Amino acid sequence: MESGRPVVLVAEEIGVEQSVLYKWKKKYEHEILSLPDQSKGKTVTRKEVAMIQKEIIELKESMSILKSVLRKTLTNICDF
């Protein structure tokens, strides 16, 4: 299917009808995102993307706080 493998082979491998694979794909494709070509074969769910985005926001906030503390610390040191 998306991996470029024929549906008939995938269906045969997992022991289901081709129509079942198409139904699964239609039902779940909105939950799966394909990664860029350098990560062929790897997928990530929308939930995982949301978790990563939240973590990025938290890391940016932490970095901002650290920069502020460092700036104040350096200012105090230079004032001596």
PDB file of N, CA and C in Angstrom:
ATOM      1  N   MET A   1       0.837  -1.162   0.000  1.00  0.00           N
ATOM      2  CA  MET A   1       0.000   0.000   0.000  1.00  0.00           C
ATOM      3  C   MET A   1       0.892   1.237   0.000  1.00  0.00           C
ATOM      4  N   GLU A   2       1.022   1.920   1.151  1.00  0.00           N
ATOM      5  CA  GLU A   2       1.851   3.120   1.169  1.00  0.00           C
ATOM      6  C   GLU A   2       3.325   2.801   1.122  1.00  0.00           C
ATOM      7  N   SER A   3       3.674   1.600   1.534  1.00  0.00           N
ATOM      8  CA  SER A   3       5.077   1.224   1.488  1.00  0.00           C
ATOM      9  C   SER A   3       5.481   0.805   0.085  1.00  0.00           C
ATOM     10  N   GLY A   4       4.511   0.803  -0.827  1.00  0.00           N
ATOM     11  CA  GLY A   4       4.793   0.415  -2.194  1.00  0.00           C
ATOM     12  C   GLY A   4       4.620  -1.072  -2.446  1.00  0.00           C
ATOM     13  N   ARG A   5       4.268  -1.790  -1.407  1.00  0.00           N
ATOM     14  CA  ARG A   5       4.069  -3.227  -1.550  1.00  0.00           C
ATOM     15  C   ARG A   5       2.651  -3.484  -2.030  1.00  0.00           C
ATOM     16  N   PRO A   6       2.476  -4.458  -2.891  1.00  0.00           N
ATOM     17  CA  PRO A   6       1.133  -4.771  -3.397  1.00  0.00           C
ATOM     18  C   PRO A   6       0.199  -5.214  -2.269  1.00  0.00           C
ATOM     19  N   VAL A   7      -1.026  -4.734  -2.325  1.00  0.00           N
ATOM     20  CA  VAL A   7      -2.031  -5.055  -1.316  1.00  0.00           C
ATOM     21  C   VAL A   7      -2.228  -6.556  -1.212  1.00  0.00           C
ATOM     22  N   VAL A   8      -2.215  -7.219  -2.335  1.00  0.00           N
ATOM     23  CA  VAL A   8      -2.443  -8.666  -2.332  1.00  0.00           C
ATOM     24  C   VAL A   8      -1.388  -9.389  -1.482  1.00  0.00           C
ATOM     25  N   LEU A   9      -0.136  -8.947  -1.544  1.00  0.00           N
ATOM     26  CA  LEU A   9       0.924  -9.575  -0.758  1.00  0.00           C
ATOM     27  C   LEU A   9       0.772  -9.278   0.732  1.00  0.00           C
ATOM     28  N   VAL A  10       0.460  -8.031   1.058  1.00  0.00           N
ATOM     29  CA  VAL A  10       0.293  -7.657   2.459  1.00  0.00           C
ATOM     30  C   VAL A  10      -0.883  -8.429   3.057  1.00  0.00           C
ATOM     31  N   ALA A  11      -1.993  -8.473   2.325  1.00  0.00           N
ATOM     32  CA  ALA A  11      -3.175  -9.190   2.802  1.00  0.00           C
ATOM     33  C   ALA A  11      -2.855 -10.663   3.027  1.00  0.00           C
ATOM     34  N   GLU A  12      -2.116 -11.225   2.116  1.00  0.00           N
ATOM     35  CA  GLU A  12      -1.723 -12.631   2.218  1.00  0.00           C
ATOM     36  C   GLU A  12      -0.844 -12.858   3.450  1.00  0.00           C
ATOM     37  N   GLU A  13       0.106 -11.970   3.669  1.00  0.00           N
ATOM     38  CA  GLU A  13       1.036 -12.096   4.795  1.00  0.00           C
ATOM     39  C   GLU A  13       0.329 -12.076   6.145  1.00  0.00           C
ATOM     40  N   ILE A  14      -0.668 -11.206   6.266  1.00  0.00           N
ATOM     41  CA  ILE A  14      -1.325 -11.087   7.572  1.00  0.00           C
ATOM     42  C   ILE A  14      -2.630 -11.882   7.647  1.00  0.00           C
ATOM     43  N   GLY A  15      -2.981 -12.525   6.555  1.00  0.00           N
ATOM     44  CA  GLY A  15      -4.131 -13.429   6.555  1.00  0.00           C
ATOM     45  C   GLY A  15      -5.494 -12.763   6.550  1.00  0.00           C
ATOM     46  N   VAL A  16      -5.621 -11.667   5.809  1.00  0.00           N
ATOM     47  CA  VAL A  16      -6.931 -11.006   5.682  1.00  0.00           C
ATOM     48  C   VAL A  16      -7.225 -10.758   4.213  1.00  0.00           C
ATOM     49  N   GLU A  17      -8.487 -10.457   3.930  1.00  0.00           N
ATOM     50  CA  GLU A  17      -8.887 -10.121   2.562  1.00  0.00           C
ATOM     51  C   GLU A  17      -8.380  -8.717   2.209  1.00  0.00           C
ATOM     52  N   GLN A  18      -8.165  -8.497   0.930  1.00  0.00           N
ATOM     53  CA  GLN A  18      -7.712  -7.186   0.473  1.00  0.00           C
ATOM     54  C   GLN A  18      -8.695  -6.092   0.872  1.00  0.00           C
ATOM     55  N   SER A  19      -9.981  -6.405   0.791  1.00  0.00           N
ATOM     56  CA  SER A  19     -11.005  -5.408   1.130  1.00  0.00           C
ATOM     57  C   SER A  19     -10.885  -4.958   2.582  1.00  0.00           C
ATOM     58  N   VAL A  20     -10.474  -5.874   3.460  1.00  0.00           N
ATOM     59  CA  VAL A  20     -10.294  -5.538   4.871  1.00  0.00           C
ATOM     60  C   VAL A  20      -9.159  -4.523   5.022  1.00  0.00           C
ATOM     61  N   LEU A  21      -8.079  -4.730   4.284  1.00  0.00           N
ATOM     62  CA  LEU A  21      -6.962  -3.779   4.340  1.00  0.00           C
ATOM     63  C   LEU A  21      -7.411  -2.385   3.902  1.00  0.00           C
ATOM     64  N   TYR A  22      -8.188  -2.324   2.826  1.00  0.00           N
ATOM     65  CA  TYR A  22      -8.662  -1.029   2.350  1.00  0.00           C
ATOM     66  C   TYR A  22      -9.561  -0.367   3.388  1.00  0.00           C
ATOM     67  N   LYS A  23     -10.409  -1.159   4.069  1.00  0.00           N
ATOM     68  CA  LYS A  23     -11.283  -0.610   5.115  1.00  0.00           C
ATOM     69  C   LYS A  23     -10.455  -0.083   6.279  1.00  0.00           C
ATOM     70  N   TRP A  24      -9.439  -0.849   6.682  1.00  0.00           N
ATOM     71  CA  TRP A  24      -8.571  -0.415   7.769  1.00  0.00           C
ATOM     72  C   TRP A  24      -7.873   0.892   7.407  1.00  0.00           C
ATOM     73  N   LYS A  25      -7.367   0.914   6.175  1.00  0.00           N
ATOM     74  CA  LYS A  25      -6.656   2.111   5.738  1.00  0.00           C
ATOM     75  C   LYS A  25      -7.578   3.327   5.794  1.00  0.00           C
ATOM     76  N   LYS A  26      -8.776   3.165   5.272  1.00  0.00           N
ATOM     77  CA  LYS A  26      -9.723   4.276   5.255  1.00  0.00           C
ATOM     78  C   LYS A  26     -10.075   4.707   6.681  1.00  0.00           C
ATOM     79  N   LYS A  27     -10.239   3.729   7.575  1.00  0.00           N
ATOM     80  CA  LYS A  27     -10.631   4.023   8.948  1.00  0.00           C
ATOM     81  C   LYS A  27      -9.522   4.709   9.741  1.00  0.00           C
ATOM     82  N   TYR A  28      -8.269   4.295   9.524  1.00  0.00           N
ATOM     83  CA  TYR A  28      -7.177   4.768  10.372  1.00  0.00           C
ATOM     84  C   TYR A  28      -6.189   5.723   9.709  1.00  0.00           C
ATOM     85  N   GLU A  29      -6.320   5.987   8.425  1.00  0.00           N
ATOM     86  CA  GLU A  29      -5.307   6.810   7.761  1.00  0.00           C
ATOM     87  C   GLU A  29      -5.239   8.222   8.319  1.00  0.00           C
ATOM     88  N   HIS A  30      -6.320   8.718   8.891  1.00  0.00           N
ATOM     89  CA  HIS A  30      -6.307  10.068   9.474  1.00  0.00           C
ATOM     90  C   HIS A  30      -5.459  10.118  10.747  1.00  0.00           C
ATOM     91  N   GLU A  31      -5.163   8.963  11.342  1.00  0.00           N
ATOM     92  CA  GLU A  31      -4.373   8.919  12.571  1.00  0.00           C
ATOM     93  C   GLU A  31      -2.881   8.742  12.311  1.00  0.00           C
ATOM     94  N   ILE A  32      -2.526   8.424  11.100  1.00  0.00           N
ATOM     95  CA  ILE A  32      -1.137   8.124  10.761  1.00  0.00           C
ATOM     96  C   ILE A  32      -0.595   9.178   9.820  1.00  0.00           C
ATOM     97  N   LEU A  33       0.596   9.646  10.116  1.00  0.00           N
ATOM     98  CA  LEU A  33       1.287  10.591   9.245  1.00  0.00           C
ATOM     99  C   LEU A  33       2.563   9.935   8.759  1.00  0.00           C
ATOM    100  N   SER A  34       2.860  10.081   7.500  1.00  0.00           N
ATOM    101  CA  SER A  34       4.113   9.545   6.995  1.00  0.00           C
ATOM    102  C   SER A  34       5.217  10.549   7.244  1.00  0.00           C
ATOM    103  N   LEU A  35       6.368  10.043   7.623  1.00  0.00           N
ATOM    104  CA  LEU A  35       7.521  10.901   7.831  1.00  0.00           C
ATOM    105  C   LEU A  35       8.231  11.115   6.495  1.00  0.00           C
ATOM    106  N   PRO A  36       9.127  12.080   6.424  1.00  0.00           N
ATOM    107  CA  PRO A  36       9.871  12.322   5.185  1.00  0.00           C
ATOM    108  C   PRO A  36      10.611  11.081   4.700  1.00  0.00           C
ATOM    109  N   ASP A  37      11.002  11.104   3.437  1.00  0.00           N
ATOM    110  CA  ASP A  37      11.634   9.955   2.793  1.00  0.00           C
ATOM    111  C   ASP A  37      12.825   9.379   3.544  1.00  0.00           C
ATOM    112  N   GLN A  38      13.590  10.214   4.256  1.00  0.00           N
ATOM    113  CA  GLN A  38      14.765   9.685   4.944  1.00  0.00           C
ATOM    114  C   GLN A  38      14.363   8.714   6.054  1.00  0.00           C
ATOM    115  N   SER A  39      13.104   8.696   6.425  1.00  0.00           N
ATOM    116  CA  SER A  39      12.624   7.793   7.470  1.00  0.00           C
ATOM    117  C   SER A  39      11.673   6.755   6.889  1.00  0.00           C
ATOM    118  N   LYS A  40      11.929   6.304   5.696  1.00  0.00           N
ATOM    119  CA  LYS A  40      11.027   5.376   5.014  1.00  0.00           C
ATOM    120  C   LYS A  40      10.536   4.267   5.925  1.00  0.00           C
ATOM    121  N   GLY A  41       9.251   4.016   5.825  1.00  0.00           N
ATOM    122  CA  GLY A  41       8.662   2.929   6.566  1.00  0.00           C
ATOM    123  C   GLY A  41       8.251   3.284   7.977  1.00  0.00           C
ATOM    124  N   LYS A  42       8.660   4.453   8.461  1.00  0.00           N
ATOM    125  CA  LYS A  42       8.308   4.851   9.820  1.00  0.00           C
ATOM    126  C   LYS A  42       7.079   5.757   9.778  1.00  0.00           C
ATOM    127  N   THR A  43       6.207   5.591  10.735  1.00  0.00           N
ATOM    128  CA  THR A  43       5.027   6.442  10.818  1.00  0.00           C
ATOM    129  C   THR A  43       4.891   6.962  12.237  1.00  0.00           C
ATOM    130  N   VAL A  44       4.098   8.005  12.356  1.00  0.00           N
ATOM    131  CA  VAL A  44       3.882   8.613  13.665  1.00  0.00           C
ATOM    132  C   VAL A  44       2.410   9.004  13.743  1.00  0.00           C
ATOM    133  N   THR A  45       1.803   8.819  14.901  1.00  0.00           N
ATOM    134  CA  THR A  45       0.397   9.164  15.054  1.00  0.00           C
ATOM    135  C   THR A  45       0.235  10.644  15.348  1.00  0.00           C
ATOM    136  N   ARG A  46      -0.960  11.138  15.134  1.00  0.00           N
ATOM    137  CA  ARG A  46      -1.240  12.542  15.433  1.00  0.00           C
ATOM    138  C   ARG A  46      -1.053  12.805  16.928  1.00  0.00           C
ATOM    139  N   LYS A  47      -1.352  11.811  17.755  1.00  0.00           N
ATOM    140  CA  LYS A  47      -1.166  11.951  19.199  1.00  0.00           C
ATOM    141  C   LYS A  47       0.312  12.159  19.521  1.00  0.00           C
ATOM    142  N   GLU A  48       1.185  11.396  18.853  1.00  0.00           N
ATOM    143  CA  GLU A  48       2.626  11.547  19.065  1.00  0.00           C
ATOM    144  C   GLU A  48       3.096  12.927  18.617  1.00  0.00           C
ATOM    145  N   VAL A  49       2.565  13.408  17.502  1.00  0.00           N
ATOM    146  CA  VAL A  49       2.927  14.741  17.009  1.00  0.00           C
ATOM    147  C   VAL A  49       2.507  15.791  18.030  1.00  0.00           C
ATOM    148  N   ALA A  50       1.298  15.654  18.578  1.00  0.00           N
ATOM    149  CA  ALA A  50       0.812  16.608  19.577  1.00  0.00           C
ATOM    150  C   ALA A  50       1.700  16.588  20.822  1.00  0.00           C
ATOM    151  N   MET A  51       2.114  15.395  21.246  1.00  0.00           N
ATOM    152  CA  MET A  51       2.990  15.287  22.420  1.00  0.00           C
ATOM    153  C   MET A  51       4.338  15.951  22.152  1.00  0.00           C
ATOM    154  N   ILE A  52       4.874  15.767  20.970  1.00  0.00           N
ATOM    155  CA  ILE A  52       6.162  16.365  20.606  1.00  0.00           C
ATOM    156  C   ILE A  52       6.029  17.885  20.545  1.00  0.00           C
ATOM    157  N   GLN A  53       4.932  18.365  19.964  1.00  0.00           N
ATOM    158  CA  GLN A  53       4.717  19.812  19.894  1.00  0.00           C
ATOM    159  C   GLN A  53       4.622  20.418  21.291  1.00  0.00           C
ATOM    160  N   LYS A  54       3.929  19.732  22.198  1.00  0.00           N
ATOM    161  CA  LYS A  54       3.816  20.210  23.584  1.00  0.00           C
ATOM    162  C   LYS A  54       5.192  20.250  24.240  1.00  0.00           C
ATOM    163  N   GLU A  55       5.984  19.216  24.007  1.00  0.00           N
ATOM    164  CA  GLU A  55       7.324  19.172  24.585  1.00  0.00           C
ATOM    165  C   GLU A  55       8.193  20.303  24.044  1.00  0.00           C
ATOM    166  N   ILE A  56       8.068  20.610  22.773  1.00  0.00           N
ATOM    167  CA  ILE A  56       8.831  21.710  22.173  1.00  0.00           C
ATOM    168  C   ILE A  56       8.473  23.029  22.856  1.00  0.00           C
ATOM    169  N   ILE A  57       7.184  23.245  23.082  1.00  0.00           N
ATOM    170  CA  ILE A  57       6.742  24.470  23.749  1.00  0.00           C
ATOM    171  C   ILE A  57       7.341  24.560  25.153  1.00  0.00           C
ATOM    172  N   GLU A  58       7.282  23.436  25.879  1.00  0.00           N
ATOM    173  CA  GLU A  58       7.839  23.412  27.237  1.00  0.00           C
ATOM    174  C   GLU A  58       9.345  23.671  27.230  1.00  0.00           C
ATOM    175  N   LEU A  59      10.046  23.094  26.275  1.00  0.00           N
ATOM    176  CA  LEU A  59      11.493  23.304  26.183  1.00  0.00           C
ATOM    177  C   LEU A  59      11.830  24.755  25.848  1.00  0.00           C
ATOM    178  N   LYS A  60      11.047  25.355  24.967  1.00  0.00           N
ATOM    179  CA  LYS A  60      11.264  26.769  24.628  1.00  0.00           C
ATOM    180  C   LYS A  60      11.058  27.653  25.845  1.00  0.00           C
ATOM    181  N   GLU A  61      10.019  27.345  26.647  1.00  0.00           N
ATOM    182  CA  GLU A  61       9.768  28.122  27.861  1.00  0.00           C
ATOM    183  C   GLU A  61      10.927  27.962  28.844  1.00  0.00           C
ATOM    184  N   SER A  62      11.409  26.734  28.994  1.00  0.00           N
ATOM    185  CA  SER A  62      12.539  26.483  29.897  1.00  0.00           C
ATOM    186  C   SER A  62      13.779  27.233  29.431  1.00  0.00           C
ATOM    187  N   MET A  63      14.018  27.227  28.135  1.00  0.00           N
ATOM    188  CA  MET A  63      15.178  27.916  27.592  1.00  0.00           C
ATOM    189  C   MET A  63      15.074  29.419  27.829  1.00  0.00           C
ATOM    190  N   SER A  64      13.886  29.946  27.683  1.00  0.00           N
ATOM    191  CA  SER A  64      13.678  31.369  27.909  1.00  0.00           C
ATOM    192  C   SER A  64      13.969  31.738  29.363  1.00  0.00           C
ATOM    193  N   ILE A  65      13.506  30.899  30.276  1.00  0.00           N
ATOM    194  CA  ILE A  65      13.763  31.134  31.706  1.00  0.00           C
ATOM    195  C   ILE A  65      15.260  31.069  31.986  1.00  0.00           C
ATOM    196  N   LEU A  66      15.925  30.063  31.454  1.00  0.00           N
ATOM    197  CA  LEU A  66      17.371  29.919  31.668  1.00  0.00           C
ATOM    198  C   LEU A  66      18.149  31.101  31.109  1.00  0.00           C
ATOM    199  N   LYS A  67      17.752  31.576  29.939  1.00  0.00           N
ATOM    200  CA  LYS A  67      18.421  32.739  29.348  1.00  0.00           C
ATOM    201  C   LYS A  67      18.250  33.968  30.242  1.00  0.00           C
ATOM    202  N   SER A  68      17.049  34.116  30.775  1.00  0.00           N
ATOM    203  CA  SER A  68      16.775  35.248  31.644  1.00  0.00           C
ATOM    204  C   SER A  68      17.627  35.188  32.907  1.00  0.00           C
ATOM    205  N   VAL A  69      17.706  34.021  33.515  1.00  0.00           N
ATOM    206  CA  VAL A  69      18.520  33.842  34.721  1.00  0.00           C
ATOM    207  C   VAL A  69      19.986  34.097  34.405  1.00  0.00           C
ATOM    208  N   LEU A  70      20.461  33.571  33.288  1.00  0.00           N
ATOM    209  CA  LEU A  70      21.860  33.757  32.890  1.00  0.00           C
ATOM    210  C   LEU A  70      22.155  35.237  32.653  1.00  0.00           C
ATOM    211  N   ARG A  71      21.234  35.918  31.997  1.00  0.00           N
ATOM    212  CA  ARG A  71      21.421  37.350  31.721  1.00  0.00           C
ATOM    213  C   ARG A  71      21.529  38.135  33.037  1.00  0.00           C
ATOM    214  N   LYS A  72      20.631  37.831  33.984  1.00  0.00           N
ATOM    215  CA  LYS A  72      20.666  38.518  35.289  1.00  0.00           C
ATOM    216  C   LYS A  72      21.947  38.189  36.039  1.00  0.00           C
ATOM    217  N   THR A  73      22.348  36.939  35.974  1.00  0.00           N
ATOM    218  CA  THR A  73      23.578  36.514  36.664  1.00  0.00           C
ATOM    219  C   THR A  73      24.786  37.223  36.089  1.00  0.00           C
ATOM    220  N   LEU A  74      24.888  37.264  34.787  1.00  0.00           N
ATOM    221  CA  LEU A  74      26.012  37.935  34.134  1.00  0.00           C
ATOM    222  C   LEU A  74      25.996  39.434  34.416  1.00  0.00           C
ATOM    223  N   THR A  75      24.830  40.024  34.473  1.00  0.00           N
ATOM    224  CA  THR A  75      24.714  41.451  34.766  1.00  0.00           C
ATOM    225  C   THR A  75      25.210  41.720  36.187  1.00  0.00           C
ATOM    226  N   ASN A  76      24.820  40.857  37.132  1.00  0.00           N
ATOM    227  CA  ASN A  76      25.280  41.020  38.525  1.00  0.00           C
ATOM    228  C   ASN A  76      26.782  40.850  38.634  1.00  0.00           C
ATOM    229  N   ILE A  77      27.353  39.911  37.930  1.00  0.00           N
ATOM    230  CA  ILE A  77      28.795  39.682  37.969  1.00  0.00           C
ATOM    231  C   ILE A  77      29.535  40.889  37.396  1.00  0.00           C
ATOM    232  N   CYS A  78      29.033  41.427  36.310  1.00  0.00           N
ATOM    233  CA  CYS A  78      29.691  42.561  35.649  1.00  0.00           C
ATOM    234  C   CYS A  78      29.569  43.843  36.475  1.00  0.00           C
ATOM    235  N   ASP A  79      28.578  43.913  37.333  1.00  0.00           N
ATOM    236  CA  ASP A  79      28.381  45.116  38.166  1.00  0.00           C
ATOM    237  C   ASP A  79      29.403  45.219  39.282  1.00  0.00           C
ATOM    238  N   PHE A  80      30.098  44.127  39.584  1.00  0.00           N
ATOM    239  CA  PHE A  80      31.087  44.153  40.668  1.00  0.00           C
ATOM    240  C   PHE A  80      32.284  44.940  40.302  1.00  0.00           C
TER     241      PHE A  80
END
